Amino acid sequence: MRIRRTLGLVLAAATLAGAGAVGAVSAQAAASPTITRQECTDAGGQIKSVPYGGDTCTLPDGTSQRIT
């Protein structure tokens, strides 16, 4: 009985560790892309300043990216 409980705890810990690693990778992949001011203007984009939100670049195709 004690071995089953220990094995169950080990499997639960391994499952949580695996889910944490997958979550971190997914969060990084979902992060919004950034662009520099020069890249924005070179691509024909317009720079907009958002109060308390920083600057964003709106590209001709309608997408927006944060400026770094």
C-alpha atoms as a PDB file:
ATOM      1  CA  MET A   1       0.000   0.000   0.000  1.00  0.00           C
ATOM      2  CA  ARG A   2       2.819   2.379   0.848  1.00  0.00           C
ATOM      3  CA  ILE A   3       4.527   1.713  -2.496  1.00  0.00           C
ATOM      4  CA  ARG A   4       1.321   2.533  -4.402  1.00  0.00           C
ATOM      5  CA  ARG A   5       0.941   5.820  -2.551  1.00  0.00           C
ATOM      6  CA  THR A   6       4.570   6.777  -3.206  1.00  0.00           C
ATOM      7  CA  LEU A   7       4.249   5.816  -6.855  1.00  0.00           C
ATOM      8  CA  GLY A   8       1.055   7.868  -7.138  1.00  0.00           C
ATOM      9  CA  LEU A   9       2.771  10.924  -5.658  1.00  0.00           C
ATOM     10  CA  VAL A  10       5.724  10.526  -8.013  1.00  0.00           C
ATOM     11  CA  LEU A  11       3.441  10.241 -11.040  1.00  0.00           C
ATOM     12  CA  ALA A  12       1.397  13.247  -9.937  1.00  0.00           C
ATOM     13  CA  ALA A  13       4.542  15.350  -9.488  1.00  0.00           C
ATOM     14  CA  ALA A  14       5.858  14.302 -12.900  1.00  0.00           C
ATOM     15  CA  THR A  15       2.537  15.177 -14.522  1.00  0.00           C
ATOM     16  CA  LEU A  16       2.476  18.630 -12.924  1.00  0.00           C
ATOM     17  CA  ALA A  17       6.092  19.271 -13.924  1.00  0.00           C
ATOM     18  CA  GLY A  18       5.315  18.311 -17.522  1.00  0.00           C
ATOM     19  CA  ALA A  19       2.237  20.537 -17.623  1.00  0.00           C
ATOM     20  CA  GLY A  20       4.276  23.437 -16.238  1.00  0.00           C
ATOM     21  CA  ALA A  21       6.886  23.062 -18.962  1.00  0.00           C
ATOM     22  CA  VAL A  22       4.236  22.924 -21.689  1.00  0.00           C
ATOM     23  CA  GLY A  23       2.507  25.988 -20.222  1.00  0.00           C
ATOM     24  CA  ALA A  24       5.721  27.991 -20.240  1.00  0.00           C
ATOM     25  CA  VAL A  25       6.419  27.155 -23.874  1.00  0.00           C
ATOM     26  CA  SER A  26       2.852  27.997 -24.878  1.00  0.00           C
ATOM     27  CA  ALA A  27       2.984  31.318 -23.039  1.00  0.00           C
ATOM     28  CA  GLN A  28       6.178  32.280 -24.819  1.00  0.00           C
ATOM     29  CA  ALA A  29       4.739  31.329 -28.200  1.00  0.00           C
ATOM     30  CA  ALA A  30       1.614  33.378 -27.514  1.00  0.00           C
ATOM     31  CA  ALA A  31       3.547  36.516 -26.612  1.00  0.00           C
ATOM     32  CA  SER A  32       2.971  39.350 -29.044  1.00  0.00           C
ATOM     33  CA  PRO A  33       5.776  40.099 -31.489  1.00  0.00           C
ATOM     34  CA  THR A  34       7.678  43.355 -31.185  1.00  0.00           C
ATOM     35  CA  ILE A  35       9.144  45.682 -33.768  1.00  0.00           C
ATOM     36  CA  THR A  36      11.470  48.683 -33.685  1.00  0.00           C
ATOM     37  CA  ARG A  37      10.479  52.182 -34.827  1.00  0.00           C
ATOM     38  CA  GLN A  38      12.807  51.910 -37.819  1.00  0.00           C
ATOM     39  CA  GLU A  39      11.380  48.543 -38.892  1.00  0.00           C
ATOM     40  CA  CYS A  40       7.866  49.968 -38.577  1.00  0.00           C
ATOM     41  CA  THR A  41       8.518  52.976 -40.777  1.00  0.00           C
ATOM     42  CA  ASP A  42      10.514  50.882 -43.278  1.00  0.00           C
ATOM     43  CA  ALA A  43       7.512  48.551 -43.622  1.00  0.00           C
ATOM     44  CA  GLY A  44       5.178  51.498 -44.242  1.00  0.00           C
ATOM     45  CA  GLY A  45       3.528  51.341 -40.827  1.00  0.00           C
ATOM     46  CA  GLN A  46       2.145  54.119 -38.663  1.00  0.00           C
ATOM     47  CA  ILE A  47       3.295  54.646 -35.091  1.00  0.00           C
ATOM     48  CA  LYS A  48       0.611  55.355 -32.512  1.00  0.00           C
ATOM     49  CA  SER A  49       1.240  56.359 -28.906  1.00  0.00           C
ATOM     50  CA  VAL A  50      -1.182  54.857 -26.410  1.00  0.00           C
ATOM     51  CA  PRO A  51      -1.372  56.612 -23.018  1.00  0.00           C
ATOM     52  CA  TYR A  52       0.089  54.309 -20.340  1.00  0.00           C
ATOM     53  CA  GLY A  53       0.422  51.597 -22.984  1.00  0.00           C
ATOM     54  CA  GLY A  54       3.517  52.596 -24.919  1.00  0.00           C
ATOM     55  CA  ASP A  55       3.817  52.823 -28.681  1.00  0.00           C
ATOM     56  CA  THR A  56       2.357  50.486 -31.269  1.00  0.00           C
ATOM     57  CA  CYS A  57       2.979  50.082 -34.965  1.00  0.00           C
ATOM     58  CA  THR A  58       0.015  49.567 -37.273  1.00  0.00           C
ATOM     59  CA  LEU A  59       1.185  47.935 -40.478  1.00  0.00           C
ATOM     60  CA  PRO A  60      -0.508  48.331 -43.879  1.00  0.00           C
ATOM     61  CA  ASP A  61      -2.013  44.824 -43.635  1.00  0.00           C
ATOM     62  CA  GLY A  62      -3.925  45.907 -40.512  1.00  0.00           C
ATOM     63  CA  THR A  63      -1.869  44.092 -37.892  1.00  0.00           C
ATOM     64  CA  SER A  64      -0.476  45.889 -34.853  1.00  0.00           C
ATOM     65  CA  GLN A  65       2.756  45.223 -32.999  1.00  0.00           C
ATOM     66  CA  ARG A  66       4.316  46.747 -29.904  1.00  0.00           C
ATOM     67  CA  ILE A  67       7.364  48.896 -30.453  1.00  0.00           C
ATOM     68  CA  THR A  68      10.463  48.037 -28.448  1.00  0.00           C
END
